[in-house]
Amino acid sequence: MKKIYSLLFIIFSIITFAQSPTCENAAAMCSGNQGPFVNTTGVTSFGSLGCLGTTPNPAWFYLQVGTSGNIDMTLLQTNTTGGGIDVDFILWGPFNTLNNICENLALYSPGYIGPNNVVDCSYSASATEQVNIPAAVAGQYYMLLVTNFSNQTGTYTLNQTGGTGALSCEIVCGIDLGPDRFICGSATSVTLVATFNQAPATAGSPVYSWFLNGVFQYTTATNTTNVNQSGTWTVEVVRPGCSDLATDDIEVNFGSIPPFNPIPPIVATPGECNPVIDLTVYEAALVAPQDPTGLVFVYYDENFDVIADPTTFSPTATTIVGVEIFNDPCSNFDIVDVIVDCVPASCQLDLTSAATTTNQTICIEKL
C-alpha cells in the first residue's frame, strides 16, 4: 500500500508547479487557471510572523500586477484527495522590482527599518483565505508566504473573486524569445528559442506556432526554429498547466557590413586657415562599388563628437575625421586624415612720418 501511495504522490507532483520553502527562491504565482501549486511538507516553522502564530511548511511566491485596481482573491489548499486543509498566509508589497525584495519585508527581514509593508495576513483554521490587494498598480510586485499548518501533502490554488485590477499571468505562463536579433556578415540564418518564463510542471506536448509579420508559417513540436528571413517573428503556444495563450515576438534583421575603402587624406585648399570642406563628396569613394544611396553616414570630429553638418566642416588645423557607415543593422567605422596647410596673413607696420616732422610715436597698450 505504501508503494502505491508513493507512486500516486510522484504522479501528482509532476502535474503541478513546484514551490520554494525560501524567500530567495520564490516561485511565480498567478490567479485563475494556472497551477495548481504544490505545497510544502516536512519543513520546520521559523517562528511567528505578523498575524501568523507559527509558520510551518512555508511556501514562497511572488505576484505581479497586470491591471491596476483592487484585487480580491481566494486562496485554497487541498490534499491529494481534494479535501480542504488549513491554509494561512502573509502578503507584502508593493515593490517596483524583485531585486532585494527578501531584504525589505517588514517583520521578516533582519535589519529592515522601513515602513510596515504587510498588505494582508490571516491565521484562521479555514482551508480558504481571502487575499486582498487594495489599489494595485500595474507592473508592481507582491511577495506571498503561504503555510501548511497540518503538514499534509497537497496544492494551493489562487482565484480572483473580485476587484477591477488583475494579476499578470505572464510571469507564470508567458514565453520569451529573448532580445531582437541583428545579424551582420555572412550568416544567413539564426535559431530562435522560445523559453517559458517559469518551467512547466510537466513537459507535455505543446505545439509552437510561428508567424512572420503576422502571417502563419508553420508549427513545431519543439521550442526552437531556424529562420532565414528578416521581419517580426512571433511564437504562440499553450503551455502545460496554463489556459492562457503564451505569445512573444522578436525582430530579426539580416544585413551585410558596408565597405569602408581607404581613401587618400582630404587636403584643404593650400594656404587657407579656415577652410570649408564638404565631407559628403567622398561618400561614393568610401563605399565603391556599392551605391551610397540607402546607407547612412555619421561623421565625428577628433573628440568623437558628431559633426552636425558634414557639408560645412571647417577645421583650423590638420586633424582626423571619424566616419561610421550604417547599413541597418550593420555598421563599419574608420578614420580619414584631413590636412590643413595654413599660411597666416603677413603683418606690415607703416611708420610714415607726418608732414613737416620726423617724429614718430608707437603706442603699445599693456593689457
Protein backbone atom coordinates (compact mmCIF):
# COMPACT_ATOMS: atom_id res chain seq x y z
CA MET A 1 0.00 0.00 0.00
CA LYS A 2 2.87 2.35 0.80
CA LYS A 3 4.37 1.78 -2.67
CA ILE A 4 1.02 2.59 -4.32
CA TYR A 5 0.75 5.80 -2.28
CA SER A 6 4.29 6.76 -3.21
CA LEU A 7 3.56 6.24 -6.90
CA LEU A 8 0.42 8.35 -6.67
CA PHE A 9 2.38 11.10 -4.98
CA ILE A 10 5.04 11.09 -7.71
CA ILE A 11 2.41 11.29 -10.45
CA PHE A 12 0.57 14.02 -8.55
CA SER A 13 3.76 16.04 -8.09
CA ILE A 14 4.79 16.13 -11.73
CA ILE A 15 1.49 17.65 -12.92
CA THR A 16 1.72 20.60 -10.55
CA PHE A 17 4.00 23.57 -10.13
CA ALA A 18 6.93 23.42 -7.74
CA GLN A 19 7.23 25.70 -4.71
CA SER A 20 10.09 27.15 -2.68
CA PRO A 21 10.47 26.99 1.13
CA THR A 22 12.77 30.04 0.97
CA CYS A 23 12.07 33.63 0.02
CA GLU A 24 15.17 33.86 -2.17
CA ASN A 25 13.87 31.12 -4.49
CA ALA A 26 10.23 32.20 -4.54
CA ALA A 27 8.19 30.91 -7.48
CA ALA A 28 5.84 32.96 -9.63
CA MET A 29 2.12 32.60 -8.90
CA CYS A 30 -0.94 33.85 -10.75
CA SER A 31 -4.69 33.69 -10.23
CA GLY A 32 -7.12 31.86 -12.50
CA ASN A 33 -6.48 28.70 -14.48
CA GLN A 34 -2.80 28.47 -13.61
CA GLY A 35 -1.30 25.84 -11.34
CA PRO A 36 -2.12 24.18 -9.07
CA PHE A 37 0.94 25.00 -6.95
CA VAL A 38 2.47 22.29 -4.73
CA ASN A 39 2.50 22.97 -1.01
CA THR A 40 5.45 22.29 1.29
CA THR A 41 5.74 19.49 3.84
CA GLY A 42 8.39 18.49 6.36
CA VAL A 43 9.82 22.00 6.77
CA THR A 44 10.19 23.35 10.30
CA SER A 45 8.46 26.59 11.27
CA PHE A 46 10.78 29.59 11.58
CA GLY A 47 8.51 31.11 14.24
CA SER A 48 5.69 33.61 14.41
CA LEU A 49 5.41 36.33 11.80
CA GLY A 50 2.88 39.15 11.89
CA CYS A 51 -0.56 37.62 12.41
CA LEU A 52 0.88 34.12 11.93
CA GLY A 53 1.33 32.38 15.27
CA THR A 54 3.61 29.88 13.56
CA THR A 55 5.00 29.33 10.05
CA PRO A 56 5.18 25.56 9.42
CA ASN A 57 6.00 24.35 5.90
CA PRO A 58 6.43 27.78 4.32
CA ALA A 59 5.98 28.22 0.57
CA TRP A 60 7.06 31.50 -1.04
CA PHE A 61 5.56 33.05 -4.16
CA TYR A 62 5.77 36.39 -5.91
CA LEU A 63 2.89 38.07 -7.77
CA GLN A 64 2.92 40.81 -10.38
CA VAL A 65 0.06 43.19 -11.10
CA GLY A 66 -1.09 43.22 -14.70
CA THR A 67 -4.03 45.64 -14.46
CA SER A 68 -4.33 48.46 -11.91
CA GLY A 69 -7.15 48.39 -9.36
CA ASN A 70 -8.30 46.48 -6.30
CA ILE A 71 -7.68 42.71 -6.49
CA ASP A 72 -9.70 40.27 -4.35
CA MET A 73 -8.66 36.62 -4.42
CA THR A 74 -9.44 33.30 -2.73
CA LEU A 75 -6.52 31.10 -1.67
CA LEU A 76 -7.44 27.41 -1.32
CA GLN A 77 -5.37 24.46 -0.07
CA THR A 78 -6.45 20.88 -0.73
CA ASN A 79 -4.90 17.49 -0.03
CA THR A 80 -4.28 14.74 -2.59
CA THR A 81 -7.92 13.59 -2.44
CA GLY A 82 -9.33 17.08 -2.91
CA GLY A 83 -10.26 17.69 0.71
CA GLY A 84 -9.62 21.12 2.16
CA ILE A 85 -6.76 21.61 4.67
CA ASP A 86 -5.86 24.61 6.81
CA VAL A 87 -4.02 27.36 4.93
CA ASP A 88 -2.54 30.63 6.27
CA PHE A 89 -0.69 33.48 4.59
CA ILE A 90 1.01 36.86 4.85
CA LEU A 91 1.38 39.27 1.92
CA TRP A 92 3.89 42.14 1.47
CA GLY A 93 4.08 44.95 -1.06
CA PRO A 94 4.09 46.81 -3.27
CA PHE A 95 7.58 46.60 -4.76
CA ASN A 96 8.79 48.13 -8.02
CA THR A 97 11.35 45.37 -8.59
CA LEU A 98 12.17 41.85 -7.43
CA ASN A 99 15.73 42.92 -6.65
CA ASN A 100 16.50 42.59 -2.91
CA ILE A 101 12.82 42.03 -2.16
CA CYS A 102 13.62 39.48 0.55
CA GLU A 103 15.67 42.11 2.41
CA ASN A 104 12.71 44.50 2.52
CA LEU A 105 9.89 42.55 4.16
CA ALA A 106 8.60 44.12 7.39
CA LEU A 107 8.74 41.81 10.44
CA TYR A 108 10.71 39.23 8.45
CA SER A 109 13.90 40.77 7.03
CA PRO A 110 16.70 41.22 9.60
CA GLY A 111 17.75 44.85 9.86
CA TYR A 112 14.76 46.18 7.92
CA ILE A 113 13.77 49.61 9.29
CA GLY A 114 11.38 50.78 6.57
CA PRO A 115 7.61 51.18 6.82
CA ASN A 116 5.29 48.30 7.62
CA ASN A 117 4.61 46.90 4.14
CA VAL A 118 2.42 43.97 5.22
CA VAL A 119 -0.63 44.26 2.98
CA ASP A 120 -2.75 41.34 4.24
CA CYS A 121 -2.45 38.42 6.64
CA SER A 122 -4.65 35.63 8.04
CA TYR A 123 -4.19 32.81 10.56
CA SER A 124 -7.64 31.22 10.54
CA ALA A 125 -8.28 27.46 10.62
CA SER A 126 -10.08 27.54 7.27
CA ALA A 127 -8.99 25.80 4.07
CA THR A 128 -9.74 29.05 2.23
CA GLU A 129 -8.41 32.54 2.82
CA GLN A 130 -9.37 35.86 1.27
CA VAL A 131 -6.34 37.73 -0.08
CA ASN A 132 -6.85 41.40 -0.88
CA ILE A 133 -4.60 43.90 -2.64
CA PRO A 134 -6.03 47.43 -2.49
CA ALA A 135 -5.15 50.00 -5.17
CA ALA A 136 -2.76 47.69 -7.04
CA VAL A 137 -0.63 49.35 -9.72
CA ALA A 138 0.26 47.56 -12.95
CA GLY A 139 3.86 46.35 -13.01
CA GLN A 140 4.37 46.27 -9.24
CA TYR A 141 5.22 43.10 -7.32
CA TYR A 142 3.98 41.45 -4.11
CA MET A 143 5.55 38.69 -2.02
CA LEU A 144 3.27 35.96 -0.65
CA LEU A 145 4.14 33.47 2.09
CA VAL A 146 1.72 30.53 2.43
CA THR A 147 1.92 27.93 5.20
CA ASN A 148 0.64 24.37 5.57
CA PHE A 149 -0.38 24.04 9.23
CA SER A 150 -1.34 20.35 9.14
CA ASN A 151 1.73 19.21 7.16
CA GLN A 152 -0.45 17.34 4.65
CA THR A 153 0.68 16.88 1.07
CA GLY A 154 -1.45 18.97 -1.26
CA THR A 155 -1.68 22.01 -3.50
CA TYR A 156 -2.64 25.68 -3.50
CA THR A 157 -4.87 27.43 -5.99
CA LEU A 158 -5.40 31.17 -6.24
CA ASN A 159 -8.52 32.52 -7.93
CA GLN A 160 -9.61 36.12 -8.35
CA THR A 161 -13.10 36.73 -6.99
CA GLY A 162 -13.46 40.49 -7.31
CA GLY A 163 -11.91 43.87 -7.98
CA THR A 164 -11.16 45.89 -11.09
CA GLY A 165 -7.45 45.01 -11.14
CA ALA A 166 -5.80 41.74 -12.11
CA LEU A 167 -2.55 39.87 -11.71
CA SER A 168 -0.24 39.30 -14.67
CA CYS A 169 -0.02 35.66 -15.69
CA GLU A 170 2.94 36.40 -17.97
CA ILE A 171 5.27 35.63 -15.06
CA VAL A 172 3.81 32.10 -14.87
CA CYS A 173 2.56 31.26 -18.34
CA GLY A 174 4.44 33.73 -20.50
CA ILE A 175 7.05 32.83 -23.08
CA ASP A 176 10.14 34.75 -24.14
CA LEU A 177 12.10 34.79 -27.42
CA GLY A 178 14.84 36.98 -25.98
CA PRO A 179 16.19 40.25 -27.41
CA ASP A 180 15.87 41.29 -31.04
CA ARG A 181 18.42 39.63 -33.31
CA PHE A 182 20.52 41.71 -35.68
CA ILE A 183 22.79 39.53 -37.79
CA CYS A 184 25.66 41.06 -39.74
CA GLY A 185 28.10 39.49 -42.13
CA SER A 186 27.79 36.19 -43.96
CA ALA A 187 25.28 34.48 -41.63
CA THR A 188 22.04 33.68 -43.45
CA SER A 189 20.03 32.05 -40.65
CA VAL A 190 19.51 32.20 -36.90
CA THR A 191 17.92 29.83 -34.37
CA LEU A 192 15.09 31.25 -32.25
CA VAL A 193 14.45 29.68 -28.83
CA ALA A 194 11.12 30.12 -27.01
CA THR A 195 11.65 29.86 -23.25
CA PHE A 196 8.82 29.71 -20.72
CA ASN A 197 9.05 32.36 -18.00
CA GLN A 198 8.52 29.60 -15.44
CA ALA A 199 9.42 25.98 -16.17
CA PRO A 200 6.36 23.81 -16.91
CA ALA A 201 5.47 21.27 -14.23
CA THR A 202 5.37 18.63 -16.95
CA ALA A 203 6.82 18.61 -20.44
CA GLY A 204 3.50 17.69 -22.05
CA SER A 205 3.23 18.07 -25.81
CA PRO A 206 2.84 21.77 -26.56
CA VAL A 207 2.67 22.86 -30.19
CA TYR A 208 4.55 26.02 -31.15
CA SER A 209 3.01 28.15 -33.91
CA TRP A 210 5.35 30.54 -35.73
CA PHE A 211 4.36 33.69 -37.63
CA LEU A 212 6.32 36.13 -39.81
CA ASN A 213 4.95 39.69 -39.88
CA GLY A 214 1.62 38.34 -38.62
CA VAL A 215 1.33 35.62 -41.28
CA PHE A 216 1.29 31.99 -40.10
CA GLN A 217 4.30 30.00 -41.31
CA TYR A 218 4.36 26.57 -39.63
CA THR A 219 4.21 24.69 -36.32
CA THR A 220 6.95 22.85 -34.44
CA ALA A 221 6.87 20.25 -31.69
CA THR A 222 9.93 21.81 -30.04
CA ASN A 223 10.63 25.29 -28.74
CA THR A 224 13.22 26.12 -31.42
CA THR A 225 13.09 27.10 -35.06
CA ASN A 226 15.66 28.15 -37.64
CA VAL A 227 14.72 31.27 -39.64
CA ASN A 228 16.39 32.95 -42.61
CA GLN A 229 14.07 35.90 -43.32
CA SER A 230 14.10 39.36 -41.81
CA GLY A 231 10.95 40.65 -40.11
CA THR A 232 8.87 40.27 -36.96
CA TRP A 233 8.78 36.63 -35.86
CA THR A 234 6.05 35.62 -33.37
CA VAL A 235 5.52 32.38 -31.44
CA GLU A 236 2.24 31.23 -29.89
CA VAL A 237 1.84 28.21 -27.58
CA VAL A 238 -0.42 26.91 -24.82
CA ARG A 239 1.90 25.51 -22.17
CA PRO A 240 1.06 22.69 -19.75
CA GLY A 241 -0.70 23.99 -16.65
CA CYS A 242 -1.92 27.20 -18.33
CA SER A 243 -5.09 28.01 -20.19
CA ASP A 244 -3.75 31.31 -21.48
CA LEU A 245 -2.14 31.57 -24.91
CA ALA A 246 1.51 32.48 -24.39
CA THR A 247 2.96 34.67 -27.12
CA ASP A 248 6.07 36.74 -27.80
CA ASP A 249 7.67 38.36 -30.81
CA ILE A 250 11.15 39.32 -31.89
CA GLU A 251 12.69 41.43 -34.63
CA VAL A 252 15.12 39.56 -36.88
CA ASN A 253 17.23 41.54 -39.34
CA PHE A 254 19.87 40.12 -41.63
CA GLY A 255 22.30 42.63 -43.08
CA SER A 256 25.72 42.96 -44.67
CA ILE A 257 28.55 45.05 -43.29
CA PRO A 258 29.06 48.07 -45.57
CA PRO A 259 32.50 48.51 -47.17
CA PHE A 260 34.95 51.14 -45.98
CA ASN A 261 37.54 51.84 -48.64
CA PRO A 262 40.78 53.56 -47.64
CA ILE A 263 40.99 56.95 -49.35
CA PRO A 264 43.87 59.46 -49.56
CA PRO A 265 43.94 62.26 -46.99
CA ILE A 266 41.49 65.07 -47.60
CA VAL A 267 43.62 68.14 -48.36
CA ALA A 268 42.11 71.56 -47.79
CA THR A 269 42.84 74.43 -50.16
CA PRO A 270 46.54 75.24 -49.59
CA GLY A 271 47.10 78.39 -47.59
CA GLU A 272 43.57 78.60 -46.12
CA CYS A 273 43.44 78.69 -42.32
CA ASN A 274 39.64 78.25 -42.05
CA PRO A 275 38.75 76.05 -45.00
CA VAL A 276 35.21 74.75 -45.52
CA ILE A 277 35.14 71.11 -46.57
CA ASP A 278 32.15 69.10 -47.81
CA LEU A 279 32.83 65.64 -46.37
CA THR A 280 29.87 64.09 -48.15
CA VAL A 281 31.51 64.30 -51.56
CA TYR A 282 33.80 61.44 -50.53
CA GLU A 283 30.97 59.01 -49.67
CA ALA A 284 30.89 57.32 -53.08
CA ALA A 285 34.63 56.63 -52.89
CA LEU A 286 34.33 55.28 -49.34
CA VAL A 287 31.83 52.56 -50.30
CA ALA A 288 32.59 51.91 -54.01
CA PRO A 289 31.44 49.93 -55.84
CA GLN A 290 28.36 49.91 -53.59
CA ASP A 291 25.83 52.67 -54.12
CA PRO A 292 25.93 55.08 -51.14
CA THR A 293 22.20 55.70 -51.53
CA GLY A 294 20.40 53.92 -48.72
CA LEU A 295 23.46 53.96 -46.46
CA VAL A 296 23.69 56.34 -43.50
CA PHE A 297 26.93 58.23 -42.85
CA VAL A 298 27.72 59.72 -39.44
CA TYR A 299 30.81 61.90 -39.03
CA TYR A 300 32.81 62.56 -35.85
CA ASP A 301 35.49 65.15 -35.05
CA GLU A 302 38.77 64.35 -33.29
CA ASN A 303 36.94 64.42 -29.92
CA PHE A 304 34.44 61.90 -31.31
CA ASP A 305 31.62 64.41 -31.15
CA VAL A 306 29.14 64.17 -34.01
CA ILE A 307 29.71 66.73 -36.77
CA ALA A 308 26.25 68.25 -37.15
CA ASP A 309 26.73 69.50 -40.73
CA PRO A 310 29.38 67.47 -42.61
CA THR A 311 28.89 69.63 -45.71
CA THR A 312 30.47 72.64 -43.97
CA PHE A 313 33.21 71.07 -41.89
CA SER A 314 35.75 73.80 -41.05
CA PRO A 315 38.91 72.58 -39.27
CA THR A 316 41.58 75.06 -38.20
CA ALA A 317 44.45 72.59 -38.24
CA THR A 318 45.40 69.18 -39.55
CA THR A 319 43.09 66.62 -37.88
CA ILE A 320 41.17 63.39 -38.31
CA VAL A 321 37.52 62.67 -39.04
CA GLY A 322 35.77 59.50 -37.93
CA VAL A 323 33.21 58.07 -40.33
CA GLU A 324 30.62 55.46 -39.35
CA ILE A 325 28.69 53.89 -42.21
CA PHE A 326 25.37 52.18 -41.37
CA ASN A 327 23.65 49.52 -43.41
CA ASP A 328 20.90 48.70 -40.92
CA PRO A 329 21.54 46.77 -38.72
CA CYS A 330 25.25 46.66 -39.58
CA SER A 331 27.90 49.36 -39.49
CA ASN A 332 31.55 49.98 -40.28
CA PHE A 333 33.86 52.61 -38.80
CA ASP A 334 37.25 54.09 -39.66
CA ILE A 335 39.05 57.42 -39.75
CA VAL A 336 40.12 59.75 -42.54
CA ASP A 337 43.01 62.24 -42.33
CA VAL A 338 42.29 65.90 -43.06
CA ILE A 339 45.28 68.14 -43.86
CA VAL A 340 45.13 71.89 -43.34
CA ASP A 341 48.11 73.94 -44.65
CA CYS A 342 47.52 77.33 -43.07
CA VAL A 343 49.57 80.36 -44.22
CA PRO A 344 48.93 83.29 -41.83
CA ALA A 345 48.42 86.74 -43.37
CA SER A 346 51.60 88.90 -43.40
CA CYS A 347 51.87 91.76 -40.90
CA GLN A 348 53.18 95.21 -42.02
CA LEU A 349 53.80 98.28 -39.85
CA ASP A 350 53.75 101.65 -41.73
CA LEU A 351 56.00 104.17 -39.97
CA THR A 352 55.43 107.10 -42.36
CA SER A 353 56.03 110.41 -40.55
CA ALA A 354 53.52 113.22 -40.52
CA ALA A 355 54.19 116.17 -42.80
CA THR A 356 56.92 118.62 -41.74
CA THR A 357 58.10 116.31 -38.97
CA THR A 358 60.38 113.38 -38.49
CA ASN A 359 58.80 112.43 -35.19
CA GLN A 360 57.11 109.04 -34.90
CA THR A 361 55.21 107.66 -31.92
CA ILE A 362 54.33 103.99 -31.46
CA CYS A 363 51.99 103.22 -28.57
CA ILE A 364 51.70 99.74 -27.23
CA GLU A 365 48.93 99.28 -24.72
CA LYS A 366 49.69 96.81 -21.96
CA LEU A 367 46.71 94.57 -21.44
